[in-house]
N, C-alpha and C. Protein backbone atom coordinates (compact mmCIF):
# COMPACT_ATOMS: atom_id res chain seq x y z
N UNK A 1 -66.96 -3.73 -9.89
CA UNK A 1 -66.21 -3.40 -10.89
C UNK A 1 -66.30 -1.63 -10.61
N UNK A 2 -67.51 -1.24 -10.28
CA UNK A 2 -67.89 0.21 -10.06
C UNK A 2 -67.18 1.03 -9.00
N UNK A 3 -66.91 0.19 -7.91
CA UNK A 3 -66.01 0.93 -6.71
C UNK A 3 -64.48 1.20 -7.70
N UNK A 4 -64.18 0.12 -8.56
CA UNK A 4 -62.73 0.46 -8.90
C UNK A 4 -62.70 1.99 -9.73
N UNK A 5 -63.77 1.86 -10.74
CA UNK A 5 -64.05 3.29 -11.49
C UNK A 5 -64.07 4.39 -10.44
N UNK A 6 -64.98 4.42 -9.60
CA UNK A 6 -65.09 5.50 -8.81
C UNK A 6 -63.63 5.93 -8.11
N UNK A 7 -62.82 4.84 -7.64
CA UNK A 7 -61.63 5.15 -7.05
C UNK A 7 -60.57 5.47 -8.16
N UNK A 8 -60.55 5.12 -9.47
CA UNK A 8 -59.48 5.69 -10.46
C UNK A 8 -59.97 7.24 -10.65
N UNK A 9 -61.66 7.10 -10.82
CA UNK A 9 -61.85 8.59 -10.95
C UNK A 9 -61.57 9.83 -10.37
N UNK A 10 -61.85 9.51 -9.02
CA UNK A 10 -61.35 10.26 -7.97
C UNK A 10 -59.66 10.60 -7.67
N UNK A 11 -58.99 9.40 -7.98
CA UNK A 11 -57.45 9.66 -8.22
C UNK A 11 -56.91 10.62 -9.34
N UNK A 12 -57.71 10.15 -10.42
CA UNK A 12 -57.32 11.10 -11.63
C UNK A 12 -57.88 12.50 -11.45
N UNK A 13 -58.99 12.82 -10.67
CA UNK A 13 -59.31 14.19 -10.54
C UNK A 13 -58.60 14.73 -9.31
N UNK A 14 -58.00 14.28 -8.40
CA UNK A 14 -57.26 14.74 -7.45
C UNK A 14 -55.93 15.41 -8.30
N UNK A 15 -55.25 14.34 -9.21
CA UNK A 15 -53.90 14.57 -9.70
C UNK A 15 -53.97 15.75 -10.45
N UNK A 16 -55.07 15.98 -11.23
CA UNK A 16 -55.57 17.09 -11.97
C UNK A 16 -55.53 18.56 -11.13
N UNK A 17 -56.41 18.24 -10.08
CA UNK A 17 -56.57 19.53 -9.09
C UNK A 17 -55.31 19.64 -8.57
N UNK A 18 -54.17 18.94 -8.10
CA UNK A 18 -53.11 19.46 -7.53
C UNK A 18 -52.32 19.83 -8.50
N UNK A 19 -52.31 19.41 -9.86
CA UNK A 19 -51.35 20.01 -10.76
C UNK A 19 -51.85 21.53 -11.15
N UNK A 20 -52.85 21.72 -10.88
CA UNK A 20 -53.58 23.07 -11.24
C UNK A 20 -53.25 23.87 -10.10
N UNK A 21 -53.13 23.71 -8.76
CA UNK A 21 -52.98 24.43 -7.90
C UNK A 21 -51.16 24.61 -7.61
N UNK A 22 -50.51 23.52 -8.18
CA UNK A 22 -48.90 23.88 -7.74
C UNK A 22 -48.65 24.83 -9.05
N UNK A 23 -49.42 24.96 -10.34
CA UNK A 23 -49.16 25.66 -11.28
C UNK A 23 -49.43 27.34 -10.78
N UNK A 24 -50.67 27.63 -10.24
CA UNK A 24 -51.13 28.53 -9.56
C UNK A 24 -50.36 29.08 -8.62
N UNK A 25 -49.70 28.38 -7.68
CA UNK A 25 -48.93 28.70 -6.52
C UNK A 25 -47.52 29.18 -7.21
N UNK A 26 -47.13 28.49 -7.96
CA UNK A 26 -45.74 28.83 -8.27
C UNK A 26 -45.89 30.25 -9.07
N UNK A 27 -47.04 30.66 -9.95
CA UNK A 27 -47.24 31.94 -10.42
C UNK A 27 -47.19 33.07 -9.61
N UNK A 28 -48.25 32.86 -8.54
CA UNK A 28 -48.10 33.67 -7.40
C UNK A 28 -46.94 33.92 -6.31
N UNK A 29 -46.06 33.02 -6.34
CA UNK A 29 -44.89 33.13 -5.52
C UNK A 29 -44.01 34.11 -6.36
N UNK A 30 -44.04 33.54 -7.45
CA UNK A 30 -42.92 34.50 -8.58
C UNK A 30 -43.47 35.95 -8.44
N UNK A 31 -44.73 36.45 -8.26
CA UNK A 31 -44.80 37.85 -8.38
C UNK A 31 -44.78 38.21 -7.02
N UNK A 32 -44.98 37.44 -5.88
CA UNK A 32 -44.59 37.92 -4.69
C UNK A 32 -42.87 37.79 -4.53
N UNK A 33 -42.34 37.12 -5.05
CA UNK A 33 -41.00 37.38 -5.18
C UNK A 33 -40.13 38.57 -5.60
N UNK A 34 -40.94 38.86 -6.50
CA UNK A 34 -40.48 40.12 -7.29
C UNK A 34 -40.88 41.52 -6.58
N UNK A 35 -42.23 41.40 -5.75
CA UNK A 35 -42.44 42.33 -4.70
C UNK A 35 -41.74 42.20 -3.55
N UNK A 36 -41.31 41.14 -3.25
CA UNK A 36 -40.47 40.79 -1.95
C UNK A 36 -38.95 41.65 -2.22
N UNK A 37 -38.78 41.34 -3.44
CA UNK A 37 -36.97 41.94 -3.71
C UNK A 37 -37.11 43.21 -3.69
N UNK A 38 -38.13 44.02 -4.17
CA UNK A 38 -38.32 45.45 -4.52
C UNK A 38 -38.37 45.85 -2.89
N UNK A 39 -39.14 45.29 -1.93
CA UNK A 39 -39.56 45.73 -0.38
C UNK A 39 -37.98 45.58 0.19
N UNK A 40 -37.53 44.50 -0.24
CA UNK A 40 -35.75 44.40 0.53
C UNK A 40 -34.84 45.41 -0.08
N UNK A 41 -35.00 45.81 -1.16
CA UNK A 41 -34.14 47.14 -1.34
C UNK A 41 -34.50 48.05 -0.98
N UNK A 42 -35.94 48.53 -0.91
CA UNK A 42 -36.13 49.76 0.00
C UNK A 42 -36.02 49.45 1.69
N UNK A 43 -36.04 48.43 2.29
CA UNK A 43 -35.56 48.11 3.55
C UNK A 43 -33.94 48.25 3.63
N UNK A 44 -33.22 47.56 2.68
CA UNK A 44 -31.53 47.83 2.65
C UNK A 44 -31.21 49.46 2.33
N UNK A 45 -32.03 50.33 1.67
CA UNK A 45 -31.90 51.56 1.80
C UNK A 45 -32.05 52.32 3.11
N UNK A 46 -32.85 51.84 3.93
CA UNK A 46 -33.22 52.17 5.27
C UNK A 46 -32.17 51.63 6.14
N UNK A 47 -31.78 50.42 6.08
CA UNK A 47 -30.71 50.01 7.27
C UNK A 47 -29.20 50.51 6.93
N UNK A 48 -29.08 50.40 5.61
CA UNK A 48 -27.49 50.91 5.47
C UNK A 48 -27.42 52.41 5.14
N UNK A 49 -26.22 52.57 5.55
CA UNK A 49 -26.07 54.29 5.28
C UNK A 49 -25.26 54.42 4.11
N UNK A 50 -25.03 55.54 3.57
CA UNK A 50 -24.32 56.11 2.24
C UNK A 50 -22.71 55.75 2.80
N UNK A 51 -21.98 55.25 1.72
CA UNK A 51 -20.64 55.01 1.89
C UNK A 51 -20.11 56.59 2.66
N UNK A 52 -20.37 57.74 1.88
CA UNK A 52 -19.90 58.90 2.52
C UNK A 52 -20.36 59.18 4.11
N UNK A 53 -21.13 58.74 4.01
CA UNK A 53 -21.82 59.18 5.51
C UNK A 53 -21.02 58.20 6.64
N UNK A 54 -21.07 56.92 6.44
CA UNK A 54 -20.27 56.03 7.16
C UNK A 54 -19.05 56.35 7.27
N UNK A 55 -18.11 56.66 6.28
CA UNK A 55 -17.00 57.03 6.26
C UNK A 55 -16.54 58.23 7.23
N UNK A 56 -17.54 59.18 7.18
CA UNK A 56 -17.21 60.45 7.71
C UNK A 56 -17.66 60.35 9.20
N UNK A 57 -18.59 59.13 9.57
CA UNK A 57 -19.20 58.55 10.89
C UNK A 57 -17.60 58.02 11.69
N UNK A 58 -17.01 57.19 10.78
CA UNK A 58 -15.95 56.33 11.23
C UNK A 58 -14.51 57.62 11.57
N UNK A 59 -14.64 58.44 10.86
CA UNK A 59 -13.38 59.45 11.04
C UNK A 59 -13.78 60.04 12.10
N UNK A 60 -14.81 60.58 12.35
CA UNK A 60 -15.07 61.22 13.33
C UNK A 60 -14.99 60.55 14.75
N UNK A 61 -15.06 59.50 14.67
CA UNK A 61 -15.02 58.60 15.87
C UNK A 61 -13.88 57.63 15.97
N UNK A 62 -12.99 57.90 15.29
CA UNK A 62 -11.87 57.36 15.41
C UNK A 62 -10.94 57.45 16.50
N UNK A 63 -9.89 56.18 16.80
CA UNK A 63 -9.21 56.67 18.01
C UNK A 63 -8.43 57.66 18.18
N UNK A 64 -7.93 58.12 16.95
CA UNK A 64 -6.84 59.24 16.86
C UNK A 64 -7.51 60.56 17.33
N UNK A 65 -8.98 60.67 16.78
CA UNK A 65 -9.87 61.95 17.06
C UNK A 65 -9.57 62.23 18.60
N UNK A 66 -9.52 63.40 18.89
CA UNK A 66 -9.81 63.85 20.28
C UNK A 66 -11.33 63.82 20.54
N UNK A 67 -11.54 63.58 21.81
CA UNK A 67 -12.79 63.51 22.42
C UNK A 67 -13.40 64.97 22.70
N UNK A 68 -14.52 65.27 22.50
CA UNK A 68 -15.22 66.74 22.63
C UNK A 68 -15.04 66.86 24.25
N UNK A 69 -15.24 67.92 24.52
CA UNK A 69 -14.91 68.57 25.74
C UNK A 69 -16.18 67.87 26.68
N UNK A 70 -17.46 67.91 25.78
CA UNK A 70 -18.62 67.22 26.47
C UNK A 70 -18.25 65.82 27.26
N UNK A 71 -17.70 65.19 26.23
CA UNK A 71 -17.41 63.64 26.31
C UNK A 71 -16.50 63.37 27.37
N UNK A 72 -15.37 64.44 27.67
CA UNK A 72 -14.34 64.34 28.51
C UNK A 72 -14.96 64.80 29.76
N UNK A 73 -15.98 65.61 29.81
CA UNK A 73 -16.69 66.15 31.22
C UNK A 73 -17.40 65.03 31.65
N UNK A 74 -18.24 64.28 30.79
CA UNK A 74 -19.01 63.21 31.33
C UNK A 74 -18.45 61.98 31.74
N UNK A 75 -17.31 61.71 30.93
CA UNK A 75 -16.52 60.70 31.64
C UNK A 75 -15.77 60.85 33.15
N UNK A 76 -15.28 62.10 33.31
CA UNK A 76 -14.65 62.60 34.56
C UNK A 76 -15.85 62.63 35.32
N UNK A 77 -17.04 63.07 35.20
CA UNK A 77 -17.80 63.30 36.57
C UNK A 77 -18.31 61.74 36.62
N UNK A 78 -18.55 60.91 35.94
CA UNK A 78 -18.75 59.38 36.10
C UNK A 78 -17.59 58.73 36.78
N UNK A 79 -16.16 59.25 36.35
CA UNK A 79 -15.17 58.34 37.34
C UNK A 79 -15.05 59.14 38.91
N UNK A 80 -15.70 60.36 38.99
CA UNK A 80 -15.67 61.16 40.15
C UNK A 80 -16.59 60.36 41.17
N UNK A 81 -17.87 60.16 40.55
CA UNK A 81 -19.30 59.55 41.17
C UNK A 81 -18.54 58.09 41.67
N UNK A 82 -17.95 57.37 40.90
CA UNK A 82 -17.59 56.11 41.18
C UNK A 82 -16.59 56.01 42.52
N UNK A 83 -15.70 57.14 42.16
CA UNK A 83 -14.69 57.26 43.48
C UNK A 83 -15.42 57.78 44.66
N UNK A 84 -16.07 58.48 44.58
CA UNK A 84 -16.69 58.96 45.98
C UNK A 84 -17.71 57.59 46.24
N UNK A 85 -18.23 56.88 45.38
CA UNK A 85 -19.12 55.61 46.17
C UNK A 85 -18.35 54.72 46.51
N UNK A 86 -17.16 54.60 46.06
CA UNK A 86 -16.01 53.78 46.66
C UNK A 86 -15.52 54.27 47.87
N UNK A 87 -15.25 55.42 47.83
CA UNK A 87 -14.70 55.83 49.24
C UNK A 87 -15.81 56.07 50.44
N UNK A 88 -17.23 56.27 49.74
CA UNK A 88 -18.16 55.93 50.89
C UNK A 88 -18.43 54.46 51.40
N UNK A 89 -18.16 53.79 50.62
CA UNK A 89 -18.43 52.26 50.92
C UNK A 89 -17.13 51.91 51.96
N UNK A 90 -16.18 52.12 51.70
CA UNK A 90 -15.03 51.75 52.42
C UNK A 90 -14.93 52.62 53.65
N UNK A 91 -15.49 53.93 53.68
CA UNK A 91 -15.55 54.55 55.06
C UNK A 91 -16.70 54.20 56.03
N UNK A 92 -17.59 53.55 55.23
CA UNK A 92 -18.81 52.77 56.01
C UNK A 92 -18.35 51.48 56.72
N UNK A 93 -17.56 50.65 55.72
CA UNK A 93 -16.84 49.59 56.53
C UNK A 93 -16.06 49.89 57.58
N UNK A 94 -15.07 50.86 57.43
CA UNK A 94 -14.29 51.33 58.15
C UNK A 94 -14.59 51.67 59.72
N UNK A 95 -15.72 52.57 59.52
CA UNK A 95 -16.56 52.75 60.80
C UNK A 95 -17.31 51.53 61.38
N UNK A 96 -17.80 51.02 60.44
CA UNK A 96 -18.26 49.57 61.20
C UNK A 96 -17.48 48.74 62.00
N UNK A 97 -16.43 48.46 61.45
CA UNK A 97 -15.15 47.59 61.78
C UNK A 97 -14.74 48.29 63.28
N UNK A 98 -14.46 49.64 63.44
CA UNK A 98 -14.13 50.46 64.35
C UNK A 98 -14.94 50.32 65.70
N UNK A 99 -16.41 50.57 65.17
CA UNK A 99 -17.68 50.37 66.13
C UNK A 99 -17.47 49.02 67.00
N UNK A 100 -17.23 48.10 66.23
CA UNK A 100 -17.03 46.37 66.47
C UNK A 100 -15.87 46.08 67.54
N UNK A 101 -14.73 46.66 67.10
CA UNK A 101 -13.49 46.82 67.98
C UNK A 101 -13.75 47.39 69.24
N UNK A 102 -14.32 48.61 69.17
CA UNK A 102 -14.71 49.66 70.40
C UNK A 102 -15.67 48.80 71.12
N UNK A 103 -16.49 48.23 70.72
CA UNK A 103 -17.80 47.34 71.66
C UNK A 103 -16.82 46.23 72.14
N UNK A 104 -15.89 45.51 71.17
CA UNK A 104 -15.26 44.41 71.87
C UNK A 104 -14.25 44.68 72.87
N UNK A 105 -13.88 45.90 72.85
CA UNK A 105 -12.57 46.40 73.89
C UNK A 105 -13.45 46.62 75.19
N UNK A 106 -14.79 47.48 75.01
CA UNK A 106 -15.39 47.82 76.37
C UNK A 106 -15.82 46.38 76.86
N UNK A 107 -16.33 45.53 76.02
CA UNK A 107 -16.77 44.30 76.70
C UNK A 107 -15.80 43.70 77.56
N UNK A 108 -14.35 43.38 77.02
CA UNK A 108 -13.31 43.03 77.74
C UNK A 108 -13.02 43.75 78.88
N UNK A 109 -12.87 45.25 78.85
CA UNK A 109 -12.77 46.01 79.99
C UNK A 109 -13.83 45.61 81.18
N UNK A 110 -14.89 45.50 80.69
CA UNK A 110 -16.05 45.35 82.15
C UNK A 110 -15.77 43.80 82.27
N UNK A 111 -15.23 43.04 81.65
CA UNK A 111 -15.09 41.59 82.27
C UNK A 111 -13.85 41.58 83.04
N UNK A 112 -13.09 42.33 82.53
CA UNK A 112 -11.74 42.60 83.51
C UNK A 112 -11.89 43.33 84.93
N UNK A 113 -13.06 44.07 84.51
CA UNK A 113 -13.47 44.93 85.85
C UNK A 113 -14.10 44.33 87.22
N UNK A 114 -14.96 43.43 86.20
CA UNK A 114 -15.83 42.84 87.17
C UNK A 114 -14.86 41.35 87.73
N UNK A 115 -13.86 41.06 87.11
CA UNK A 115 -13.18 39.92 87.59
C UNK A 115 -12.27 40.49 88.77
N UNK A 116 -11.57 41.77 88.51
CA UNK A 116 -10.97 42.39 89.59
C UNK A 116 -11.87 42.52 90.81
N UNK A 117 -13.01 42.73 90.85
CA UNK A 117 -14.00 43.26 91.64
C UNK A 117 -14.41 41.86 92.74
N UNK A 118 -14.41 40.93 91.70
CA UNK A 118 -14.92 39.40 92.48
C UNK A 118 -13.69 39.26 93.35
N UNK A 119 -12.74 39.54 92.56
CA UNK A 119 -11.17 38.88 93.44
C UNK A 119 -11.00 39.79 94.86
N UNK A 120 -11.02 41.29 94.61
CA UNK A 120 -11.27 42.00 95.99
C UNK A 120 -12.04 41.78 96.88
N UNK A 121 -13.19 41.32 96.55
CA UNK A 121 -14.40 41.02 97.53
C UNK A 121 -14.10 39.77 98.07
N UNK A 122 -13.52 38.74 97.45
CA UNK A 122 -13.13 37.62 97.91
C UNK A 122 -11.94 37.65 98.82
N UNK A 123 -10.89 38.45 98.74
CA UNK A 123 -9.46 38.58 99.30
C UNK A 123 -9.92 39.67 100.32
N UNK A 124 -11.01 40.58 100.51
CA UNK A 124 -11.34 41.37 101.51
C UNK A 124 -10.73 41.02 102.98
N UNK A 125 -9.65 41.78 103.75
CA UNK A 125 -9.48 41.24 104.85
C UNK A 125 -9.90 42.19 106.00
N UNK A 126 -10.74 43.23 105.65
CA UNK A 126 -11.60 43.93 106.75
C UNK A 126 -10.69 45.34 106.68
N UNK A 127 -9.62 45.51 106.12
CA UNK A 127 -8.55 46.59 106.15
C UNK A 127 -8.88 47.42 104.96
N UNK A 128 -8.91 48.73 105.10
CA UNK A 128 -9.17 49.69 104.03
C UNK A 128 -8.10 50.59 103.67
N UNK A 129 -7.49 50.56 102.91
CA UNK A 129 -8.00 50.07 101.74
C UNK A 129 -7.49 48.48 101.64
N UNK A 130 -8.01 47.57 101.03
CA UNK A 130 -7.47 46.29 101.08
C UNK A 130 -6.33 45.78 100.38
N UNK A 131 -5.34 46.46 100.10
CA UNK A 131 -4.21 46.01 99.37
C UNK A 131 -3.09 45.37 100.21
N UNK A 132 -2.45 44.68 99.48
CA UNK A 132 -1.28 43.96 100.34
C UNK A 132 -0.30 44.59 101.02
N UNK A 133 -0.12 45.71 100.47
CA UNK A 133 0.92 46.35 101.09
C UNK A 133 0.67 47.25 102.52
N UNK A 134 -0.73 47.40 102.65
CA UNK A 134 -1.38 47.51 103.83
C UNK A 134 -1.15 46.78 104.97
N UNK A 135 -0.98 45.36 104.84
CA UNK A 135 -1.11 44.57 105.78
C UNK A 135 0.14 44.32 106.67
N UNK A 136 0.15 44.45 107.79
CA UNK A 136 1.29 44.79 108.77
C UNK A 136 2.30 43.14 108.82
N UNK A 137 1.46 42.00 108.56
CA UNK A 137 2.02 40.76 108.59
C UNK A 137 2.29 40.19 107.05
N UNK A 138 3.48 39.57 107.19
CA UNK A 138 3.53 39.16 105.75
C UNK A 138 4.00 37.53 105.91
C-alpha cells in the first residue's frame, strides 16, 4: 500500500507543479505579447512609407510621366550595346561560314586538278602538248 501512496503523492505534486508553471508562462507570454506588439508597430513604421511619400513616388514613376534624360540615355546606350554585340556575333558567324565555304571550294578545286592531272598522265601519247586536237589521226 505504501507504493500506492508514493505514486498518488507524486502524481498530485506533478499536477500542482504543472498548473503553477502554466500560470507563470501565460503571464510571461502576456507581457511578451505586449512588447511584441510595440516592436511590430516600430517595424511597420520602418517598412511602410507615409501615404504622401508613396503617392508622390507613384506619381513620379507613372507611365504618363516622361522619363528623365539620364534614363533615356542609359536605355539607349544599353540598346546600342546589345545591337553591337548582336552585330559582332552575326559577323563572326558569317566570317566562319565564308571561311568554311572557301576551304571547301579550295579542296574541291584541288581534287579536280588532281583528277585532271591523273587523266592527262594516263592518256599521254608522247606528243606535246598532249591534247586531242594535236593528234593527226582520228
